[in-house]
Protein backbone atom coordinates (compact mmCIF):
# COMPACT_ATOMS: atom_id res chain seq x y z
CA MET A 1 -57.47 -34.30 -136.80
CA LYS A 2 -59.70 -34.97 -133.78
CA LYS A 3 -59.73 -38.70 -134.51
CA THR A 4 -55.94 -38.70 -134.74
CA ALA A 5 -55.60 -36.86 -131.43
CA ILE A 6 -58.01 -39.25 -129.71
CA THR A 7 -56.20 -42.26 -131.15
CA LEU A 8 -52.86 -40.93 -129.91
CA LEU A 9 -54.32 -40.23 -126.47
CA ILE A 10 -55.68 -43.79 -126.25
CA LEU A 11 -52.29 -45.19 -127.28
CA VAL A 12 -50.48 -43.09 -124.65
CA LEU A 13 -52.93 -44.08 -121.90
CA THR A 14 -52.74 -47.75 -122.90
CA PHE A 15 -48.94 -47.65 -122.95
CA SER A 16 -48.82 -45.92 -119.55
CA PHE A 17 -51.23 -48.44 -118.03
CA SER A 18 -49.23 -51.32 -119.50
CA ASN A 19 -46.00 -49.89 -118.05
CA ALA A 20 -47.64 -49.50 -114.64
CA GLN A 21 -48.80 -53.12 -114.75
CA ASP A 22 -45.31 -54.29 -115.75
CA ALA A 23 -43.78 -52.34 -112.86
CA VAL A 24 -46.23 -53.91 -110.40
CA LYS A 25 -45.53 -57.42 -111.70
CA ALA A 26 -41.77 -56.80 -111.57
CA LYS A 27 -42.03 -55.69 -107.95
CA GLN A 28 -44.16 -58.71 -107.03
CA ILE A 29 -41.53 -61.07 -108.47
CA LEU A 30 -38.61 -59.20 -106.90
CA ASP A 31 -40.36 -59.16 -103.52
CA GLN A 32 -40.75 -62.95 -103.72
CA VAL A 33 -37.08 -63.37 -104.65
CA SER A 34 -36.02 -61.10 -101.78
CA SER A 35 -38.28 -62.83 -99.26
CA LYS A 36 -37.05 -66.29 -100.24
CA THR A 37 -33.41 -65.18 -100.19
CA LYS A 38 -33.77 -63.67 -96.73
CA SER A 39 -35.15 -66.98 -95.45
CA PHE A 40 -31.79 -68.66 -96.11
CA THR A 41 -29.20 -68.63 -93.32
CA SER A 42 -26.45 -68.60 -95.96
CA ILE A 43 -25.82 -68.85 -99.69
CA SER A 44 -22.88 -70.22 -101.64
CA ALA A 45 -22.60 -70.11 -105.40
CA GLU A 46 -20.30 -70.71 -108.33
CA PHE A 47 -20.59 -68.15 -111.12
CA SER A 48 -19.03 -66.76 -114.26
CA PHE A 49 -18.13 -63.08 -114.58
CA SER A 50 -17.73 -61.53 -118.01
CA LEU A 51 -16.84 -58.14 -119.47
CA GLU A 52 -18.03 -57.29 -122.96
CA ASN A 53 -17.37 -54.17 -125.02
CA VAL A 54 -18.57 -54.61 -128.60
CA GLN A 55 -16.97 -51.42 -129.88
CA GLU A 56 -13.55 -52.28 -128.44
CA LYS A 57 -13.99 -55.98 -129.35
CA ILE A 58 -13.43 -57.04 -125.74
CA ASN A 59 -14.95 -60.26 -124.41
CA ASP A 60 -13.31 -61.49 -121.22
CA ALA A 61 -14.73 -64.15 -118.87
CA HIS A 62 -13.67 -65.66 -115.56
CA ASN A 63 -15.09 -68.16 -113.09
CA GLY A 64 -15.59 -67.32 -109.43
CA SER A 65 -17.31 -68.31 -106.22
CA ILE A 66 -19.13 -66.53 -103.42
CA LYS A 67 -20.25 -67.25 -99.85
CA VAL A 68 -22.83 -65.03 -98.15
CA LYS A 69 -24.10 -65.02 -94.58
CA GLY A 70 -26.17 -62.03 -93.50
CA ASN A 71 -24.19 -58.95 -94.56
CA LYS A 72 -20.91 -60.90 -94.64
CA TYR A 73 -19.37 -62.33 -97.79
CA LYS A 74 -16.32 -63.92 -99.36
CA VAL A 75 -15.76 -63.61 -103.10
CA SER A 76 -13.03 -65.40 -105.06
CA LEU A 77 -12.48 -64.02 -108.55
CA MET A 78 -9.48 -63.55 -110.87
CA ASN A 79 -6.96 -64.73 -108.28
CA VAL A 80 -8.26 -62.27 -105.68
CA ASP A 81 -10.10 -63.27 -102.49
CA SER A 82 -12.28 -60.57 -100.92
CA TYR A 83 -13.46 -61.10 -97.34
CA PHE A 84 -16.02 -58.80 -95.71
CA ASP A 85 -17.05 -59.42 -92.10
CA GLY A 86 -19.73 -56.74 -92.04
CA LYS A 87 -17.29 -53.97 -91.14
CA THR A 88 -13.80 -54.69 -92.48
CA LEU A 89 -12.81 -55.64 -96.03
CA TYR A 90 -9.78 -57.88 -96.59
CA THR A 91 -8.56 -57.96 -100.20
CA TYR A 92 -6.06 -60.78 -100.68
CA LEU A 93 -4.03 -60.38 -103.87
CA LYS A 94 -2.62 -63.85 -104.43
CA ASP A 95 -0.23 -62.89 -107.22
CA ALA A 96 1.31 -60.11 -105.12
CA ASP A 97 1.13 -62.17 -101.92
CA GLU A 98 -0.38 -59.23 -100.01
CA VAL A 99 -3.64 -58.39 -98.28
CA ASN A 100 -5.13 -54.89 -98.10
CA ILE A 101 -7.33 -54.15 -95.08
CA SER A 102 -9.85 -51.32 -95.34
CA THR A 103 -13.14 -50.08 -93.93
CA PRO A 104 -15.47 -49.47 -96.87
CA ASP A 105 -18.39 -47.06 -96.72
CA VAL A 106 -21.41 -49.36 -96.63
CA ASN A 107 -23.60 -46.41 -97.70
CA ASP A 108 -21.55 -45.78 -100.82
CA GLU A 109 -24.00 -46.27 -103.70
CA GLY A 110 -21.10 -46.87 -106.04
CA MET A 111 -20.12 -50.00 -104.17
CA LEU A 112 -22.16 -53.10 -104.96
CA ASN A 113 -22.17 -55.23 -101.85
CA PRO A 114 -22.51 -58.86 -103.03
CA ALA A 115 -24.46 -59.63 -99.86
CA LYS A 116 -27.20 -57.24 -101.05
CA ILE A 117 -27.37 -58.38 -104.65
CA PHE A 118 -30.88 -59.84 -104.19
CA THR A 119 -32.33 -56.77 -102.47
CA MET A 120 -30.54 -53.88 -104.19
CA TYR A 121 -33.67 -52.99 -106.19
CA GLU A 122 -35.47 -51.93 -102.99
CA LYS A 123 -33.81 -48.50 -103.07
CA GLY A 124 -32.86 -46.22 -105.92
CA PHE A 125 -34.33 -48.17 -108.84
CA LYS A 126 -37.36 -48.25 -111.08
CA TYR A 127 -38.19 -51.64 -112.54
CA ASN A 128 -40.03 -53.15 -115.44
CA PHE A 129 -41.20 -56.69 -116.23
CA ILE A 130 -40.04 -57.50 -119.76
CA GLY A 131 -41.53 -60.98 -120.08
CA GLU A 132 -40.73 -64.66 -119.88
CA LYS A 133 -38.16 -66.63 -121.86
CA THR A 134 -37.09 -70.26 -121.99
CA GLU A 135 -33.61 -71.67 -121.58
CA ALA A 136 -32.70 -75.36 -121.29
CA GLY A 137 -36.41 -76.16 -121.18
CA LYS A 138 -37.02 -73.96 -118.12
CA THR A 139 -38.80 -70.62 -117.84
CA LEU A 140 -37.11 -67.41 -116.76
CA TYR A 141 -38.51 -64.04 -115.71
CA GLU A 142 -36.80 -61.07 -117.38
CA ILE A 143 -36.77 -57.82 -115.41
CA ASP A 144 -34.99 -54.52 -116.07
CA LEU A 145 -33.85 -52.15 -113.32
CA PHE A 146 -33.26 -48.46 -114.07
CA PRO A 147 -31.32 -46.24 -111.63
CA GLU A 148 -33.24 -43.20 -110.41
CA ASN A 149 -29.92 -41.37 -110.13
CA ARG A 150 -28.97 -40.65 -113.74
CA ASP A 151 -25.38 -39.93 -112.75
CA LYS A 152 -24.79 -43.66 -112.27
CA PRO A 153 -22.15 -45.11 -114.63
CA PHE A 154 -24.69 -47.63 -115.94
CA SER A 155 -28.04 -47.17 -117.66
CA ARG A 156 -29.73 -50.45 -116.82
CA ILE A 157 -29.41 -53.75 -114.96
CA LYS A 158 -31.07 -56.77 -116.55
CA LEU A 159 -32.07 -59.69 -114.32
CA LEU A 160 -33.01 -63.20 -115.35
CA ILE A 161 -34.73 -65.17 -112.58
CA TRP A 162 -35.77 -68.82 -112.67
CA LYS A 163 -39.55 -69.02 -112.45
CA ASP A 164 -39.69 -72.39 -110.66
CA ASN A 165 -37.43 -71.60 -107.69
CA LEU A 166 -37.15 -67.78 -107.82
CA GLN A 167 -33.34 -67.87 -107.85
CA LEU A 168 -31.19 -65.38 -109.71
CA TYR A 169 -29.69 -66.74 -112.93
CA THR A 170 -27.99 -63.75 -114.52
CA LEU A 171 -27.36 -60.10 -113.72
CA LYS A 172 -26.17 -57.86 -116.57
CA GLN A 173 -25.07 -54.28 -115.94
CA VAL A 174 -25.21 -52.14 -119.09
CA GLY A 175 -22.56 -49.44 -118.80
CA LYS A 176 -22.74 -45.98 -120.35
CA ASP A 177 -19.10 -46.34 -121.41
CA GLY A 178 -19.86 -49.42 -123.50
CA ASN A 179 -18.65 -51.89 -120.87
CA ASN A 180 -21.25 -54.51 -120.01
CA TYR A 181 -20.69 -56.79 -117.01
CA THR A 182 -22.56 -60.07 -116.63
CA ILE A 183 -22.73 -62.44 -113.67
CA LYS A 184 -24.20 -65.88 -114.41
CA VAL A 185 -24.93 -68.22 -111.51
CA LYS A 186 -23.86 -71.77 -112.39
CA LYS A 187 -24.60 -73.50 -109.10
CA MET A 188 -26.18 -72.40 -105.83
CA ASP A 189 -26.40 -74.03 -102.40
CA THR A 190 -28.19 -72.64 -99.38
CA ASN A 191 -28.14 -72.94 -95.58
CA GLN A 192 -24.49 -74.01 -95.41
CA PRO A 193 -22.89 -74.04 -91.90
CA PHE A 194 -20.54 -71.07 -92.37
CA THR A 195 -18.86 -69.49 -89.37
CA ASP A 196 -17.90 -65.83 -88.92
CA SER A 197 -14.22 -66.76 -89.38
CA ASP A 198 -15.00 -67.76 -92.97
CA PHE A 199 -15.35 -64.05 -93.78
CA VAL A 200 -12.08 -62.84 -92.26
CA PHE A 201 -8.61 -63.27 -93.79
CA ASN A 202 -6.49 -65.23 -91.34
CA THR A 203 -3.21 -63.31 -91.16
CA ALA A 204 -1.81 -65.68 -88.49
CA ALA A 205 -2.21 -68.64 -90.83
CA ASN A 206 -0.50 -66.72 -93.63
CA PRO A 207 2.66 -65.24 -92.03
CA ASN A 208 4.41 -64.70 -95.37
CA VAL A 209 1.70 -62.43 -96.73
CA ASP A 210 2.38 -58.68 -96.61
CA VAL A 211 -0.35 -56.90 -94.65
CA ILE A 212 -1.23 -53.36 -95.73
CA ASP A 213 -3.61 -51.78 -93.23
CA MET A 214 -5.43 -48.88 -94.91
CA ARG A 215 -7.87 -48.14 -92.10
């Protein structure tokens, strides 16, 4: 009985130490990714966005693009262009030929600001280094993020990060409702000469678009 108890204690301590080491390694990698990302004046990327629900047999995928400069962004996805200039959000619905203007709460934890996608782990998450894997002959880091707030609609976010250049490859959000969302970066360019006007919908240049101001 004593031997069994000691063996179990050793296993628990070893597992706890291993988890602590994995958390430290995950943070080291994420800090490097964040530091490198912050060194860029801007980022532009082409990506795929997919929704998967195995139980409901749903598998839907779309291509999109994003531009980021500081806390500003423009996202084009599923025939909707979203412009955020750091304060105001312009949502241009191409099919409806209308743009909705709103002032989102930047402190709303339920809103994932694309401009903060590389630094979101810094607050409200625990993290764990899962290991390394190979794809197309290149090595990826695999890291899991777990929300400290258990009321979040998702249980985990899985990141795959290229080891050679520390750039994000995929982000998968595992939902508690069975809906899993995955963003896969297909191409990324940095330090592009974007101007502030790139992140504002130009109503003057689109006189036929209905403007709905929700501020």
